[in-house]
Amino acid sequence: MDKYLPEVRSRMMTAVRSKGNRTTEKRLRALLVQAGLKGWKVQPSGIAGNPDFAFIQEKVAVFVDGAFWHGAPGFDRFPKSRVLFWREKIERNRRRDITVNKRLRVQGWSVLRFWDYELVSSRLTVMDKIGRRLKERQGKKFSS
């Protein structure tokens, strides 16, 4: 009997506690430093949805979503096995992202989401969006 049946593998993967995608985290961190933006925290605790970066004072949460895990438009490289499982998993992730966005907005946060590949292909656009959002929110008072 194969010890890696889907149920066993699922339990094993559930036990793995990720600290985020290190490559993506490093890439955005480098862009933030290069742009001279300050006041951000990496994976701050206590914020709904566990954003990758947060500008606490301005209440701006930044998520960098993996194209596969969050179902980027046009991304169709699914595993050949258990296709239905993966499609359902990704759809659950999408629904969770929508719920997290709504929850954060109710708490007074502004939410920015980028695809992981945008940190390479559209880095200037990403930084422009972050910079503009921070300027919009600076000096405003927010409820906790």
C-alpha atoms as a PDB file:
ATOM      1  CA  MET A   1       0.000   0.000   0.000  1.00  0.00           C
ATOM      2  CA  ASP A   2       1.362   3.395  -1.006  1.00  0.00           C
ATOM      3  CA  LYS A   3       1.997   5.551   2.067  1.00  0.00           C
ATOM      4  CA  TYR A   4       1.374   8.652  -0.054  1.00  0.00           C
ATOM      5  CA  LEU A   5      -2.299   8.150  -0.847  1.00  0.00           C
ATOM      6  CA  PRO A   6      -4.143  11.424  -1.425  1.00  0.00           C
ATOM      7  CA  GLU A   7      -5.571  11.452   2.117  1.00  0.00           C
ATOM      8  CA  VAL A   8      -2.151  10.883   3.699  1.00  0.00           C
ATOM      9  CA  ARG A   9      -0.487  13.441   1.462  1.00  0.00           C
ATOM     10  CA  SER A  10      -3.219  15.945   2.274  1.00  0.00           C
ATOM     11  CA  ARG A  11      -2.646  15.509   6.038  1.00  0.00           C
ATOM     12  CA  MET A  12       1.106  15.861   5.542  1.00  0.00           C
ATOM     13  CA  MET A  13       0.751  19.046   3.492  1.00  0.00           C
ATOM     14  CA  THR A  14      -1.697  20.516   6.020  1.00  0.00           C
ATOM     15  CA  ALA A  15       0.954  20.103   8.717  1.00  0.00           C
ATOM     16  CA  VAL A  16       3.488  22.168   6.755  1.00  0.00           C
ATOM     17  CA  ARG A  17       3.483  25.730   8.036  1.00  0.00           C
ATOM     18  CA  SER A  18       4.726  28.088   5.383  1.00  0.00           C
ATOM     19  CA  LYS A  19       6.396  31.401   6.079  1.00  0.00           C
ATOM     20  CA  GLY A  20       5.515  32.688   2.636  1.00  0.00           C
ATOM     21  CA  ASN A  21       7.353  32.615  -0.629  1.00  0.00           C
ATOM     22  CA  ARG A  22      10.843  33.788   0.226  1.00  0.00           C
ATOM     23  CA  THR A  23      11.716  34.725  -3.362  1.00  0.00           C
ATOM     24  CA  THR A  24       8.605  36.867  -3.761  1.00  0.00           C
ATOM     25  CA  GLU A  25       9.104  38.419  -0.327  1.00  0.00           C
ATOM     26  CA  LYS A  26      12.722  39.312  -1.107  1.00  0.00           C
ATOM     27  CA  ARG A  27      11.763  40.723  -4.484  1.00  0.00           C
ATOM     28  CA  LEU A  28       9.098  43.081  -3.090  1.00  0.00           C
ATOM     29  CA  ARG A  29      11.273  44.027  -0.128  1.00  0.00           C
ATOM     30  CA  ALA A  30      14.054  45.047  -2.533  1.00  0.00           C
ATOM     31  CA  LEU A  31      11.613  47.134  -4.573  1.00  0.00           C
ATOM     32  CA  LEU A  32      10.302  48.895  -1.455  1.00  0.00           C
ATOM     33  CA  VAL A  33      13.833  49.687  -0.279  1.00  0.00           C
ATOM     34  CA  GLN A  34      14.878  50.850  -3.746  1.00  0.00           C
ATOM     35  CA  ALA A  35      11.838  53.159  -3.889  1.00  0.00           C
ATOM     36  CA  GLY A  36      12.730  54.579  -0.473  1.00  0.00           C
ATOM     37  CA  LEU A  37       9.379  53.617   1.029  1.00  0.00           C
ATOM     38  CA  LYS A  38       9.392  53.301   4.792  1.00  0.00           C
ATOM     39  CA  GLY A  39       7.041  52.171   7.538  1.00  0.00           C
ATOM     40  CA  TRP A  40       6.288  48.693   6.234  1.00  0.00           C
ATOM     41  CA  LYS A  41       6.407  45.391   8.067  1.00  0.00           C
ATOM     42  CA  VAL A  42       6.886  41.939   6.584  1.00  0.00           C
ATOM     43  CA  GLN A  43       4.163  39.432   7.461  1.00  0.00           C
ATOM     44  CA  PRO A  44       2.876  41.402  10.450  1.00  0.00           C
ATOM     45  CA  SER A  45       0.864  39.432  12.966  1.00  0.00           C
ATOM     46  CA  GLY A  46      -2.653  40.273  14.012  1.00  0.00           C
ATOM     47  CA  ILE A  47      -3.920  41.495  10.637  1.00  0.00           C
ATOM     48  CA  ALA A  48      -6.709  39.576   8.907  1.00  0.00           C
ATOM     49  CA  GLY A  49      -5.513  37.444   6.024  1.00  0.00           C
ATOM     50  CA  ASN A  50      -1.838  37.701   7.009  1.00  0.00           C
ATOM     51  CA  PRO A  51      -0.704  40.191   4.365  1.00  0.00           C
ATOM     52  CA  ASP A  52       2.797  39.797   2.975  1.00  0.00           C
ATOM     53  CA  PHE A  53       3.557  43.443   3.772  1.00  0.00           C
ATOM     54  CA  ALA A  54       1.664  46.100   5.684  1.00  0.00           C
ATOM     55  CA  PHE A  55       2.085  49.809   6.104  1.00  0.00           C
ATOM     56  CA  ILE A  56       0.660  50.009   9.610  1.00  0.00           C
ATOM     57  CA  GLN A  57       0.305  53.787   9.958  1.00  0.00           C
ATOM     58  CA  GLU A  58      -1.496  54.160   6.610  1.00  0.00           C
ATOM     59  CA  LYS A  59      -3.368  50.865   7.041  1.00  0.00           C
ATOM     60  CA  VAL A  60      -2.367  49.530   3.636  1.00  0.00           C
ATOM     61  CA  ALA A  61      -2.127  45.740   3.320  1.00  0.00           C
ATOM     62  CA  VAL A  62      -0.142  44.317   0.399  1.00  0.00           C
ATOM     63  CA  PHE A  63      -0.559  40.742  -0.809  1.00  0.00           C
ATOM     64  CA  VAL A  64       1.525  39.079  -3.495  1.00  0.00           C
ATOM     65  CA  ASP A  65      -0.491  36.148  -4.806  1.00  0.00           C
ATOM     66  CA  GLY A  66       1.033  33.204  -6.612  1.00  0.00           C
ATOM     67  CA  ALA A  67      -0.386  32.780 -10.110  1.00  0.00           C
ATOM     68  CA  PHE A  68      -0.991  29.069  -9.564  1.00  0.00           C
ATOM     69  CA  TRP A  69      -2.324  29.136  -5.997  1.00  0.00           C
ATOM     70  CA  HIS A  70      -4.674  32.059  -6.526  1.00  0.00           C
ATOM     71  CA  GLY A  71      -5.697  31.377 -10.130  1.00  0.00           C
ATOM     72  CA  ALA A  72      -4.314  34.266 -12.143  1.00  0.00           C
ATOM     73  CA  PRO A  73      -6.374  34.999 -15.265  1.00  0.00           C
ATOM     74  CA  GLY A  74      -5.028  33.005 -18.170  1.00  0.00           C
ATOM     75  CA  PHE A  75      -2.928  30.760 -15.935  1.00  0.00           C
ATOM     76  CA  ASP A  76      -3.771  27.239 -17.031  1.00  0.00           C
ATOM     77  CA  ARG A  77      -0.806  25.095 -16.016  1.00  0.00           C
ATOM     78  CA  PHE A  78      -2.627  22.646 -13.762  1.00  0.00           C
ATOM     79  CA  PRO A  79      -1.210  19.329 -12.612  1.00  0.00           C
ATOM     80  CA  LYS A  80      -2.185  16.423 -14.841  1.00  0.00           C
ATOM     81  CA  SER A  81      -3.526  14.387 -11.923  1.00  0.00           C
ATOM     82  CA  ARG A  82      -6.401  15.315  -9.616  1.00  0.00           C
ATOM     83  CA  VAL A  83      -7.451  18.193 -11.854  1.00  0.00           C
ATOM     84  CA  LEU A  84     -10.815  18.627 -10.117  1.00  0.00           C
ATOM     85  CA  PHE A  85      -9.133  18.755  -6.695  1.00  0.00           C
ATOM     86  CA  TRP A  86      -6.755  21.521  -7.830  1.00  0.00           C
ATOM     87  CA  ARG A  87      -9.466  23.557  -9.546  1.00  0.00           C
ATOM     88  CA  GLU A  88     -11.600  23.411  -6.382  1.00  0.00           C
ATOM     89  CA  LYS A  89      -8.601  24.262  -4.173  1.00  0.00           C
ATOM     90  CA  ILE A  90      -7.751  27.311  -6.256  1.00  0.00           C
ATOM     91  CA  GLU A  91     -11.395  28.411  -6.293  1.00  0.00           C
ATOM     92  CA  ARG A  92     -11.466  28.192  -2.477  1.00  0.00           C
ATOM     93  CA  ASN A  93      -8.336  30.364  -2.366  1.00  0.00           C
ATOM     94  CA  ARG A  94     -10.015  32.936  -4.618  1.00  0.00           C
ATOM     95  CA  ARG A  95     -13.117  33.017  -2.413  1.00  0.00           C
ATOM     96  CA  ARG A  96     -10.945  33.359   0.702  1.00  0.00           C
ATOM     97  CA  ASP A  97      -9.089  36.295  -0.898  1.00  0.00           C
ATOM     98  CA  ILE A  98     -12.400  38.074  -1.528  1.00  0.00           C
ATOM     99  CA  THR A  99     -13.507  37.454   2.068  1.00  0.00           C
ATOM    100  CA  VAL A 100     -10.182  38.709   3.453  1.00  0.00           C
ATOM    101  CA  ASN A 101     -10.366  41.849   1.274  1.00  0.00           C
ATOM    102  CA  LYS A 102     -13.862  42.631   2.568  1.00  0.00           C
ATOM    103  CA  ARG A 103     -12.896  41.983   6.177  1.00  0.00           C
ATOM    104  CA  LEU A 104      -9.854  44.252   5.969  1.00  0.00           C
ATOM    105  CA  ARG A 105     -11.836  47.041   4.311  1.00  0.00           C
ATOM    106  CA  VAL A 106     -14.456  46.879   7.072  1.00  0.00           C
ATOM    107  CA  GLN A 107     -11.570  47.299   9.541  1.00  0.00           C
ATOM    108  CA  GLY A 108     -10.405  50.427   7.707  1.00  0.00           C
ATOM    109  CA  TRP A 109      -7.589  48.886   5.669  1.00  0.00           C
ATOM    110  CA  SER A 110      -6.831  49.519   2.030  1.00  0.00           C
ATOM    111  CA  VAL A 111      -5.896  46.309   0.216  1.00  0.00           C
ATOM    112  CA  LEU A 112      -3.505  45.929  -2.697  1.00  0.00           C
ATOM    113  CA  ARG A 113      -3.028  42.577  -4.417  1.00  0.00           C
ATOM    114  CA  PHE A 114      -0.406  41.805  -7.020  1.00  0.00           C
ATOM    115  CA  TRP A 115       0.469  38.648  -8.935  1.00  0.00           C
ATOM    116  CA  ASP A 116       3.888  37.221  -8.189  1.00  0.00           C
ATOM    117  CA  TYR A 117       4.944  37.611 -11.813  1.00  0.00           C
ATOM    118  CA  GLU A 118       4.122  41.348 -11.714  1.00  0.00           C
ATOM    119  CA  LEU A 119       7.101  41.895  -9.409  1.00  0.00           C
ATOM    120  CA  VAL A 120       9.259  41.056 -12.416  1.00  0.00           C
ATOM    121  CA  SER A 121       7.224  42.079 -15.465  1.00  0.00           C
ATOM    122  CA  SER A 122       5.549  45.224 -14.100  1.00  0.00           C
ATOM    123  CA  ARG A 123       7.610  46.303 -11.112  1.00  0.00           C
ATOM    124  CA  LEU A 124       7.326  50.030 -11.886  1.00  0.00           C
ATOM    125  CA  THR A 125       3.549  49.757 -12.078  1.00  0.00           C
ATOM    126  CA  VAL A 126       3.468  47.840  -8.785  1.00  0.00           C
ATOM    127  CA  MET A 127       5.564  50.459  -7.043  1.00  0.00           C
ATOM    128  CA  ASP A 128       3.527  53.289  -8.557  1.00  0.00           C
ATOM    129  CA  LYS A 129       0.292  51.737  -7.227  1.00  0.00           C
ATOM    130  CA  ILE A 130       1.761  51.286  -3.759  1.00  0.00           C
ATOM    131  CA  GLY A 131       3.163  54.822  -3.721  1.00  0.00           C
ATOM    132  CA  ARG A 132      -0.111  56.376  -4.875  1.00  0.00           C
ATOM    133  CA  ARG A 133      -2.139  54.424  -2.311  1.00  0.00           C
ATOM    134  CA  LEU A 134       0.178  55.480   0.500  1.00  0.00           C
ATOM    135  CA  LYS A 135      -0.084  59.153  -0.528  1.00  0.00           C
ATOM    136  CA  GLU A 136      -3.888  58.872  -0.598  1.00  0.00           C
ATOM    137  CA  ARG A 137      -3.934  57.472   2.912  1.00  0.00           C
ATOM    138  CA  GLN A 138      -1.237  59.524   4.617  1.00  0.00           C
ATOM    139  CA  GLY A 139      -2.479  61.938   7.213  1.00  0.00           C
ATOM    140  CA  LYS A 140      -5.901  60.343   7.459  1.00  0.00           C
ATOM    141  CA  LYS A 141      -7.125  58.905  10.722  1.00  0.00           C
ATOM    142  CA  PHE A 142      -8.385  55.346  10.746  1.00  0.00           C
ATOM    143  CA  SER A 143     -10.418  53.383  13.194  1.00  0.00           C
ATOM    144  CA  SER A 144      -8.914  50.208  14.602  1.00  0.00           C
END
